Amino acid sequence: MAARDLVFQPGDRVRTSGRFVSGPDGDWLDLQRVHDLLIKPPGWKSDLSVRLIGAGAAAVPSEFDPNHFPGRITVVGRWHAPASGEQVRLGDESIEVETQTPEGPHPRPRADRTHPPCPPPPGGWPRNVFWYEGWPHSAVSDLDLDIRDLESSGAMVHRAIFRPSEDQEVLVVAATDVEAVTRRLSPSFPNQLCVVRSRFTRAQLDEVRDVLLAHFQEWRLESFGTGNSDPQGQPFARAEPVRVTPELAAWADTLPKGLLLLNPTITPA
């Protein structure tokens, strides 16, 4: 999906989830996702909140349920906000609710790190994890080799631990110089190393990070980072804006496909 497909304008139908807040100044949906499971004082809302018009307070869940969380709802409705480019203040944005369900946001998908992207060695991946005071512990987890030169040179772009089973660990490295990284790490991790050629360079990821940092407030990013990888061990950057603005989309769509994953809180319905 192109970033421009996530852009919406005033009057468009949108979908979002958050924490319902009701007070003397009306009904709100607090969209803050960081620490959103912490208990908040009654009526408290963050500056990442939008006004709700026509919400049903009586339908907001008040107790824990296998599928619901107290105070969390999902709404679909019409988006109202200042024109693009204008400064947004708390209360300027609102959603005219059409449907409301007692659901919270879907959890962020986690990369499947059970199948390393390299074929296992003869005999399979070694089983070398031992338990220390009830916790798994291994040489791969410690990885305290002096590899700063590999990372600073850009030869190593990203590293992650894959676990084919509870007592197996494989170090998966995305690298621009596969031979150098393999030669350096193989002696320390015999039959536990998987090095794949990285689709992106460290410089590309750093450039994305710098742009996101420079526009953090303008694009209303709640969080962003470059320490992510997919089930193939490939690195990517992630950003979580309140919504994707035309300016953010115009820049994001110039990036190589797969370099940046946008996970906005409010999306077109």
C-alpha atoms as a PDB file:
ATOM      1  CA  MET A   1       0.000   0.000   0.000  1.00  0.00           C
ATOM      2  CA  ALA A   2       1.315   3.422  -0.949  1.00  0.00           C
ATOM      3  CA  ALA A   3       1.475   6.050   1.792  1.00  0.00           C
ATOM      4  CA  ARG A   4      -0.868   8.291  -0.204  1.00  0.00           C
ATOM      5  CA  ASP A   5      -3.594   5.620   0.233  1.00  0.00           C
ATOM      6  CA  LEU A   6      -3.547   6.350   3.989  1.00  0.00           C
ATOM      7  CA  VAL A   7      -4.261  10.072   3.537  1.00  0.00           C
ATOM      8  CA  PHE A   8      -7.757  11.399   4.257  1.00  0.00           C
ATOM      9  CA  GLN A   9      -9.362  14.828   4.235  1.00  0.00           C
ATOM     10  CA  PRO A  10     -12.091  16.564   6.285  1.00  0.00           C
ATOM     11  CA  GLY A  11     -15.407  14.898   5.527  1.00  0.00           C
ATOM     12  CA  ASP A  12     -13.867  11.494   4.772  1.00  0.00           C
ATOM     13  CA  ARG A  13     -14.820   8.388   6.736  1.00  0.00           C
ATOM     14  CA  VAL A  14     -12.125   7.173   9.126  1.00  0.00           C
ATOM     15  CA  ARG A  15     -11.534   4.371  11.596  1.00  0.00           C
ATOM     16  CA  THR A  16      -9.578   4.498  14.844  1.00  0.00           C
ATOM     17  CA  SER A  17      -9.339   3.025  18.331  1.00  0.00           C
ATOM     18  CA  GLY A  18      -8.500   4.563  21.668  1.00  0.00           C
ATOM     19  CA  ARG A  19      -9.481   5.231  25.257  1.00  0.00           C
ATOM     20  CA  PHE A  20     -12.859   6.871  25.762  1.00  0.00           C
ATOM     21  CA  VAL A  21     -12.742   9.946  28.009  1.00  0.00           C
ATOM     22  CA  SER A  22     -15.819  11.872  29.118  1.00  0.00           C
ATOM     23  CA  GLY A  23     -15.712  15.168  31.013  1.00  0.00           C
ATOM     24  CA  PRO A  24     -17.228  18.622  31.347  1.00  0.00           C
ATOM     25  CA  ASP A  25     -15.721  19.547  27.968  1.00  0.00           C
ATOM     26  CA  GLY A  26     -17.412  16.640  26.165  1.00  0.00           C
ATOM     27  CA  ASP A  27     -16.473  13.191  24.946  1.00  0.00           C
ATOM     28  CA  TRP A  28     -13.012  12.367  23.630  1.00  0.00           C
ATOM     29  CA  LEU A  29     -10.985   9.514  22.248  1.00  0.00           C
ATOM     30  CA  ASP A  30      -7.428   9.473  23.578  1.00  0.00           C
ATOM     31  CA  LEU A  31      -5.278   7.989  20.819  1.00  0.00           C
ATOM     32  CA  GLN A  32      -2.053   7.721  22.784  1.00  0.00           C
ATOM     33  CA  ARG A  33      -0.663   4.210  22.350  1.00  0.00           C
ATOM     34  CA  VAL A  34       2.554   4.479  24.343  1.00  0.00           C
ATOM     35  CA  HIS A  35       1.809   3.283  27.898  1.00  0.00           C
ATOM     36  CA  ASP A  36      -1.860   3.076  26.954  1.00  0.00           C
ATOM     37  CA  LEU A  37      -2.401   0.201  29.410  1.00  0.00           C
ATOM     38  CA  LEU A  38      -1.465   2.308  32.420  1.00  0.00           C
ATOM     39  CA  ILE A  39      -4.311   3.427  34.649  1.00  0.00           C
ATOM     40  CA  LYS A  40      -5.141   7.110  34.091  1.00  0.00           C
ATOM     41  CA  PRO A  41      -7.010   9.462  36.463  1.00  0.00           C
ATOM     42  CA  PRO A  42     -10.701   9.953  35.584  1.00  0.00           C
ATOM     43  CA  GLY A  43     -11.120  12.521  32.822  1.00  0.00           C
ATOM     44  CA  TRP A  44      -7.393  12.647  31.956  1.00  0.00           C
ATOM     45  CA  LYS A  45      -6.520  12.773  28.269  1.00  0.00           C
ATOM     46  CA  SER A  46      -3.306  13.292  26.335  1.00  0.00           C
ATOM     47  CA  ASP A  47      -2.709  15.901  23.654  1.00  0.00           C
ATOM     48  CA  LEU A  48      -3.187  13.084  21.122  1.00  0.00           C
ATOM     49  CA  SER A  49      -6.956  13.162  21.636  1.00  0.00           C
ATOM     50  CA  VAL A  50      -9.828  13.911  19.251  1.00  0.00           C
ATOM     51  CA  ARG A  51     -13.309  15.056  20.137  1.00  0.00           C
ATOM     52  CA  LEU A  52     -16.131  12.546  19.600  1.00  0.00           C
ATOM     53  CA  ILE A  53     -19.513  13.688  18.370  1.00  0.00           C
ATOM     54  CA  GLY A  54     -22.368  11.265  18.934  1.00  0.00           C
ATOM     55  CA  ALA A  55     -20.486   8.623  20.921  1.00  0.00           C
ATOM     56  CA  GLY A  56     -22.415   6.338  23.264  1.00  0.00           C
ATOM     57  CA  ALA A  57     -20.881   6.498  26.735  1.00  0.00           C
ATOM     58  CA  ALA A  58     -23.183   3.734  27.993  1.00  0.00           C
ATOM     59  CA  ALA A  59     -21.716   1.291  25.435  1.00  0.00           C
ATOM     60  CA  VAL A  60     -18.120   1.756  26.553  1.00  0.00           C
ATOM     61  CA  PRO A  61     -16.870  -1.421  28.318  1.00  0.00           C
ATOM     62  CA  SER A  62     -16.183  -0.966  32.008  1.00  0.00           C
ATOM     63  CA  GLU A  63     -14.803  -4.398  32.873  1.00  0.00           C
ATOM     64  CA  PHE A  64     -12.161  -6.757  31.575  1.00  0.00           C
ATOM     65  CA  ASP A  65     -13.340  -9.266  28.998  1.00  0.00           C
ATOM     66  CA  PRO A  66     -11.481 -11.758  26.769  1.00  0.00           C
ATOM     67  CA  ASN A  67     -12.095  -9.434  23.816  1.00  0.00           C
ATOM     68  CA  HIS A  68     -12.456  -6.053  25.505  1.00  0.00           C
ATOM     69  CA  PHE A  69     -10.439  -3.727  27.695  1.00  0.00           C
ATOM     70  CA  PRO A  70     -12.103  -1.209  30.033  1.00  0.00           C
ATOM     71  CA  GLY A  71     -12.605   2.143  28.373  1.00  0.00           C
ATOM     72  CA  ARG A  72     -11.312   1.088  24.951  1.00  0.00           C
ATOM     73  CA  ILE A  73     -13.484   1.509  21.862  1.00  0.00           C
ATOM     74  CA  THR A  74     -13.211   1.551  18.081  1.00  0.00           C
ATOM     75  CA  VAL A  75     -15.172   4.103  16.082  1.00  0.00           C
ATOM     76  CA  VAL A  76     -15.925   4.769  12.436  1.00  0.00           C
ATOM     77  CA  GLY A  77     -17.164   8.182  11.426  1.00  0.00           C
ATOM     78  CA  ARG A  78     -16.634  11.454   9.568  1.00  0.00           C
ATOM     79  CA  TRP A  79     -13.397  13.321  10.098  1.00  0.00           C
ATOM     80  CA  HIS A  80     -13.488  17.058  10.870  1.00  0.00           C
ATOM     81  CA  ALA A  81     -10.300  19.094  11.189  1.00  0.00           C
ATOM     82  CA  PRO A  82      -8.605  22.314  10.092  1.00  0.00           C
ATOM     83  CA  ALA A  83      -7.346  22.434   6.539  1.00  0.00           C
ATOM     84  CA  SER A  84      -4.023  20.743   5.835  1.00  0.00           C
ATOM     85  CA  GLY A  85      -1.052  22.833   6.871  1.00  0.00           C
ATOM     86  CA  GLU A  86      -2.808  24.706   9.681  1.00  0.00           C
ATOM     87  CA  GLN A  87      -1.579  24.315  13.242  1.00  0.00           C
ATOM     88  CA  VAL A  88      -3.608  21.704  15.101  1.00  0.00           C
ATOM     89  CA  ARG A  89      -4.615  22.316  18.703  1.00  0.00           C
ATOM     90  CA  LEU A  90      -6.438  20.059  21.132  1.00  0.00           C
ATOM     91  CA  GLY A  91     -10.132  20.172  20.241  1.00  0.00           C
ATOM     92  CA  ASP A  92      -9.627  21.188  16.594  1.00  0.00           C
ATOM     93  CA  GLU A  93     -10.070  17.613  15.398  1.00  0.00           C
ATOM     94  CA  SER A  94     -13.225  15.566  15.829  1.00  0.00           C
ATOM     95  CA  ILE A  95     -14.938  12.437  14.585  1.00  0.00           C
ATOM     96  CA  GLU A  96     -18.689  12.361  13.997  1.00  0.00           C
ATOM     97  CA  VAL A  97     -19.366   8.790  15.100  1.00  0.00           C
ATOM     98  CA  GLU A  98     -21.340   6.495  12.796  1.00  0.00           C
ATOM     99  CA  THR A  99     -20.509   3.145  14.429  1.00  0.00           C
ATOM    100  CA  GLN A 100     -18.932   2.288  17.762  1.00  0.00           C
ATOM    101  CA  THR A 101     -17.716  -1.098  18.998  1.00  0.00           C
ATOM    102  CA  PRO A 102     -16.180  -2.145  22.341  1.00  0.00           C
ATOM    103  CA  GLU A 103     -12.849  -3.100  20.827  1.00  0.00           C
ATOM    104  CA  GLY A 104      -9.334  -1.869  21.349  1.00  0.00           C
ATOM    105  CA  PRO A 105      -6.632  -1.506  18.706  1.00  0.00           C
ATOM    106  CA  HIS A 106      -5.230  -4.665  17.168  1.00  0.00           C
ATOM    107  CA  PRO A 107      -1.850  -5.539  18.701  1.00  0.00           C
ATOM    108  CA  ARG A 108       1.164  -4.677  16.593  1.00  0.00           C
ATOM    109  CA  PRO A 109       2.136  -7.750  14.563  1.00  0.00           C
ATOM    110  CA  ARG A 110       5.391  -9.326  15.669  1.00  0.00           C
ATOM    111  CA  ALA A 111       7.891 -10.824  13.266  1.00  0.00           C
ATOM    112  CA  ASP A 112       7.962 -14.604  13.210  1.00  0.00           C
ATOM    113  CA  ARG A 113      11.438 -15.430  14.481  1.00  0.00           C
ATOM    114  CA  THR A 114      11.118 -19.211  14.626  1.00  0.00           C
ATOM    115  CA  HIS A 115      12.385 -19.985  11.108  1.00  0.00           C
ATOM    116  CA  PRO A 116      15.820 -18.536  10.289  1.00  0.00           C
ATOM    117  CA  PRO A 117      16.086 -17.445   6.640  1.00  0.00           C
ATOM    118  CA  CYS A 118      19.051 -19.789   6.076  1.00  0.00           C
ATOM    119  CA  PRO A 119      18.911 -23.581   5.712  1.00  0.00           C
ATOM    120  CA  PRO A 120      19.987 -25.388   8.901  1.00  0.00           C
ATOM    121  CA  PRO A 121      23.407 -27.034   8.994  1.00  0.00           C
ATOM    122  CA  PRO A 122      23.700 -30.830   8.709  1.00  0.00           C
ATOM    123  CA  GLY A 123      22.115 -32.256  11.825  1.00  0.00           C
ATOM    124  CA  GLY A 124      20.057 -29.128  12.415  1.00  0.00           C
ATOM    125  CA  TRP A 125      20.606 -26.027  14.513  1.00  0.00           C
ATOM    126  CA  PRO A 126      22.483 -26.920  17.721  1.00  0.00           C
ATOM    127  CA  ARG A 127      20.697 -27.033  21.038  1.00  0.00           C
ATOM    128  CA  ASN A 128      22.870 -25.010  23.348  1.00  0.00           C
ATOM    129  CA  VAL A 129      20.605 -22.851  25.513  1.00  0.00           C
ATOM    130  CA  PHE A 130      20.911 -23.574  29.197  1.00  0.00           C
ATOM    131  CA  TRP A 131      18.775 -22.194  31.987  1.00  0.00           C
ATOM    132  CA  TYR A 132      20.058 -19.839  34.650  1.00  0.00           C
ATOM    133  CA  GLU A 133      17.805 -19.078  37.632  1.00  0.00           C
ATOM    134  CA  GLY A 134      14.739 -19.910  35.565  1.00  0.00           C
ATOM    135  CA  TRP A 135      15.707 -17.872  32.485  1.00  0.00           C
ATOM    136  CA  PRO A 136      17.169 -19.036  29.161  1.00  0.00           C
ATOM    137  CA  HIS A 137      20.789 -18.027  28.752  1.00  0.00           C
ATOM    138  CA  SER A 138      23.248 -18.599  25.925  1.00  0.00           C
ATOM    139  CA  ALA A 139      26.323 -17.257  24.183  1.00  0.00           C
ATOM    140  CA  VAL A 140      24.183 -15.883  21.339  1.00  0.00           C
ATOM    141  CA  SER A 141      22.072 -13.862  23.752  1.00  0.00           C
ATOM    142  CA  ASP A 142      25.169 -12.348  25.307  1.00  0.00           C
ATOM    143  CA  LEU A 143      26.793 -11.393  21.965  1.00  0.00           C
ATOM    144  CA  ASP A 144      29.308  -9.136  23.646  1.00  0.00           C
ATOM    145  CA  LEU A 145      31.878  -9.467  20.870  1.00  0.00           C
ATOM    146  CA  ASP A 146      33.540  -6.266  19.776  1.00  0.00           C
ATOM    147  CA  ILE A 147      31.513  -5.786  16.582  1.00  0.00           C
ATOM    148  CA  ARG A 148      31.277  -2.027  16.686  1.00  0.00           C
ATOM    149  CA  ASP A 149      33.546  -1.759  13.659  1.00  0.00           C
ATOM    150  CA  LEU A 150      31.200  -3.985  11.621  1.00  0.00           C
ATOM    151  CA  GLU A 151      28.247  -1.810  12.581  1.00  0.00           C
ATOM    152  CA  SER A 152      30.002   1.539  12.208  1.00  0.00           C
ATOM    153  CA  SER A 153      31.339   0.590   8.782  1.00  0.00           C
ATOM    154  CA  GLY A 154      27.865  -0.418   7.635  1.00  0.00           C
ATOM    155  CA  ALA A 155      28.878  -4.007   6.906  1.00  0.00           C
ATOM    156  CA  MET A 156      26.389  -5.175   9.564  1.00  0.00           C
ATOM    157  CA  VAL A 157      23.014  -3.462   9.210  1.00  0.00           C
ATOM    158  CA  HIS A 158      20.818  -5.372  11.660  1.00  0.00           C
ATOM    159  CA  ARG A 159      20.974  -8.422  13.917  1.00  0.00           C
ATOM    160  CA  ALA A 160      18.259 -10.471  15.581  1.00  0.00           C
ATOM    161  CA  ILE A 161      17.907 -13.704  17.523  1.00  0.00           C
ATOM    162  CA  PHE A 162      15.744 -16.417  15.944  1.00  0.00           C
ATOM    163  CA  ARG A 163      14.550 -19.340  18.070  1.00  0.00           C
ATOM    164  CA  PRO A 164      13.550 -22.475  16.130  1.00  0.00           C
ATOM    165  CA  SER A 165      12.705 -24.018  19.527  1.00  0.00           C
ATOM    166  CA  GLU A 166      13.007 -23.164  23.203  1.00  0.00           C
ATOM    167  CA  ASP A 167      16.574 -24.452  23.438  1.00  0.00           C
ATOM    168  CA  GLN A 168      17.833 -23.321  20.021  1.00  0.00           C
ATOM    169  CA  GLU A 169      19.098 -19.878  19.076  1.00  0.00           C
ATOM    170  CA  VAL A 170      20.392 -18.582  15.755  1.00  0.00           C
ATOM    171  CA  LEU A 171      22.012 -15.217  15.192  1.00  0.00           C
ATOM    172  CA  VAL A 172      20.544 -13.734  11.991  1.00  0.00           C
ATOM    173  CA  VAL A 173      22.450 -10.794  10.537  1.00  0.00           C
ATOM    174  CA  ALA A 174      21.446  -8.595   7.615  1.00  0.00           C
ATOM    175  CA  ALA A 175      24.670  -7.364   6.065  1.00  0.00           C
ATOM    176  CA  THR A 176      25.906  -5.364   3.110  1.00  0.00           C
ATOM    177  CA  ASP A 177      29.193  -7.259   3.231  1.00  0.00           C
ATOM    178  CA  VAL A 178      28.107 -10.868   3.762  1.00  0.00           C
ATOM    179  CA  GLU A 179      31.596 -12.288   3.412  1.00  0.00           C
ATOM    180  CA  ALA A 180      33.186  -9.965   5.995  1.00  0.00           C
ATOM    181  CA  VAL A 181      30.459 -10.528   8.570  1.00  0.00           C
ATOM    182  CA  THR A 182      30.457 -14.298   8.048  1.00  0.00           C
ATOM    183  CA  ARG A 183      34.228 -14.468   8.342  1.00  0.00           C
ATOM    184  CA  ARG A 184      34.194 -12.395  11.527  1.00  0.00           C
ATOM    185  CA  LEU A 185      31.357 -14.143  13.379  1.00  0.00           C
ATOM    186  CA  SER A 186      31.551 -17.768  12.225  1.00  0.00           C
ATOM    187  CA  PRO A 187      34.313 -18.766  14.675  1.00  0.00           C
ATOM    188  CA  SER A 188      32.250 -17.543  17.633  1.00  0.00           C
ATOM    189  CA  PHE A 189      28.943 -19.009  16.431  1.00  0.00           C
ATOM    190  CA  PRO A 190      29.624 -22.249  14.579  1.00  0.00           C
ATOM    191  CA  ASN A 191      26.371 -23.612  13.130  1.00  0.00           C
ATOM    192  CA  GLN A 192      24.448 -20.805  14.858  1.00  0.00           C
ATOM    193  CA  LEU A 193      24.966 -18.022  12.328  1.00  0.00           C
ATOM    194  CA  CYS A 194      22.784 -16.951   9.407  1.00  0.00           C
ATOM    195  CA  VAL A 195      23.961 -13.966   7.346  1.00  0.00           C
ATOM    196  CA  VAL A 196      21.682 -12.558   4.635  1.00  0.00           C
ATOM    197  CA  ARG A 197      22.312  -9.748   2.197  1.00  0.00           C
ATOM    198  CA  SER A 198      20.513  -6.637   3.421  1.00  0.00           C
ATOM    199  CA  ARG A 199      18.043  -4.947   1.094  1.00  0.00           C
ATOM    200  CA  PHE A 200      18.915  -1.596   2.637  1.00  0.00           C
ATOM    201  CA  THR A 201      22.060   0.062   3.881  1.00  0.00           C
ATOM    202  CA  ARG A 202      22.683   1.554   7.302  1.00  0.00           C
ATOM    203  CA  ALA A 203      22.942   4.955   5.615  1.00  0.00           C
ATOM    204  CA  GLN A 204      19.423   4.591   4.171  1.00  0.00           C
ATOM    205  CA  LEU A 205      17.974   3.711   7.565  1.00  0.00           C
ATOM    206  CA  ASP A 206      19.846   6.551   9.237  1.00  0.00           C
ATOM    207  CA  GLU A 207      18.570   9.039   6.654  1.00  0.00           C
ATOM    208  CA  VAL A 208      14.971   7.951   7.303  1.00  0.00           C
ATOM    209  CA  ARG A 209      15.558   8.312  11.053  1.00  0.00           C
ATOM    210  CA  ASP A 210      16.957  11.822  10.602  1.00  0.00           C
ATOM    211  CA  VAL A 211      13.983  12.961   8.500  1.00  0.00           C
ATOM    212  CA  LEU A 212      11.468  11.534  10.969  1.00  0.00           C
ATOM    213  CA  LEU A 213      13.290  13.190  13.858  1.00  0.00           C
ATOM    214  CA  ALA A 214      13.328  16.547  12.075  1.00  0.00           C
ATOM    215  CA  HIS A 215       9.566  16.353  11.423  1.00  0.00           C
ATOM    216  CA  PHE A 216       8.579  14.647  14.686  1.00  0.00           C
ATOM    217  CA  GLN A 217       6.189  17.373  15.846  1.00  0.00           C
ATOM    218  CA  GLU A 218       5.042  18.532  12.422  1.00  0.00           C
ATOM    219  CA  TRP A 219       3.958  15.018  11.432  1.00  0.00           C
ATOM    220  CA  ARG A 220       2.701  14.241  14.976  1.00  0.00           C
ATOM    221  CA  LEU A 221       4.674  11.050  15.376  1.00  0.00           C
ATOM    222  CA  GLU A 222       4.063   9.156  18.581  1.00  0.00           C
ATOM    223  CA  SER A 223       7.074   6.921  18.004  1.00  0.00           C
ATOM    224  CA  PHE A 224       9.520   5.815  15.348  1.00  0.00           C
ATOM    225  CA  GLY A 225      12.609   3.661  15.066  1.00  0.00           C
ATOM    226  CA  THR A 226      14.937   1.746  12.792  1.00  0.00           C
ATOM    227  CA  GLY A 227      15.668  -1.318  14.943  1.00  0.00           C
ATOM    228  CA  ASN A 228      13.119  -3.556  13.252  1.00  0.00           C
ATOM    229  CA  SER A 229      13.345  -6.615  11.042  1.00  0.00           C
ATOM    230  CA  ASP A 230      10.897  -8.875   9.211  1.00  0.00           C
ATOM    231  CA  PRO A 231      10.664 -12.703   9.237  1.00  0.00           C
ATOM    232  CA  GLN A 232      13.496 -12.808   6.687  1.00  0.00           C
ATOM    233  CA  GLY A 233      15.775 -10.792   8.970  1.00  0.00           C
ATOM    234  CA  GLN A 234      15.540  -7.761   6.683  1.00  0.00           C
ATOM    235  CA  PRO A 235      15.706  -4.344   8.394  1.00  0.00           C
ATOM    236  CA  PHE A 236      13.146  -1.593   8.050  1.00  0.00           C
ATOM    237  CA  ALA A 237      12.089   1.641   9.723  1.00  0.00           C
ATOM    238  CA  ARG A 238       8.730   2.082  11.456  1.00  0.00           C
ATOM    239  CA  ALA A 239       6.772   5.240  12.258  1.00  0.00           C
ATOM    240  CA  GLU A 240       3.517   5.637  14.198  1.00  0.00           C
ATOM    241  CA  PRO A 241       1.855   8.971  13.368  1.00  0.00           C
ATOM    242  CA  VAL A 242      -1.581   9.999  14.571  1.00  0.00           C
ATOM    243  CA  ARG A 243      -2.486  10.130  10.885  1.00  0.00           C
ATOM    244  CA  VAL A 244      -0.659  10.237   7.579  1.00  0.00           C
ATOM    245  CA  THR A 245      -0.628  13.807   6.281  1.00  0.00           C
ATOM    246  CA  PRO A 246      -0.165  14.646   2.581  1.00  0.00           C
ATOM    247  CA  GLU A 247       3.322  15.973   3.387  1.00  0.00           C
ATOM    248  CA  LEU A 248       4.356  12.778   5.172  1.00  0.00           C
ATOM    249  CA  ALA A 249       2.920  10.639   2.379  1.00  0.00           C
ATOM    250  CA  ALA A 250       4.650  12.635  -0.365  1.00  0.00           C
ATOM    251  CA  TRP A 251       8.028  11.977   1.272  1.00  0.00           C
ATOM    252  CA  ALA A 252       7.339   8.350   2.236  1.00  0.00           C
ATOM    253  CA  ASP A 253       6.321   7.424  -1.302  1.00  0.00           C
ATOM    254  CA  THR A 254       9.762   8.461  -2.594  1.00  0.00           C
ATOM    255  CA  LEU A 255      11.460   5.798  -0.441  1.00  0.00           C
ATOM    256  CA  PRO A 256      12.360   2.311  -1.673  1.00  0.00           C
ATOM    257  CA  LYS A 257       9.523  -0.137  -1.135  1.00  0.00           C
ATOM    258  CA  GLY A 258       9.701  -1.777   2.283  1.00  0.00           C
ATOM    259  CA  LEU A 259      12.120   0.716   3.829  1.00  0.00           C
ATOM    260  CA  LEU A 260       9.452   2.472   5.952  1.00  0.00           C
ATOM    261  CA  LEU A 261       6.361   0.957   7.540  1.00  0.00           C
ATOM    262  CA  LEU A 262       3.719   3.512   8.518  1.00  0.00           C
ATOM    263  CA  ASN A 263       1.331   2.472  11.287  1.00  0.00           C
ATOM    264  CA  PRO A 264      -1.065   5.419  11.798  1.00  0.00           C
ATOM    265  CA  THR A 265      -3.609   5.506  14.599  1.00  0.00           C
ATOM    266  CA  ILE A 266      -6.353   6.930  12.353  1.00  0.00           C
ATOM    267  CA  THR A 267      -6.863   5.358   8.940  1.00  0.00           C
ATOM    268  CA  PRO A 268      -9.362   5.768   6.088  1.00  0.00           C
ATOM    269  CA  ALA A 269     -12.426   3.590   6.654  1.00  0.00           C
END
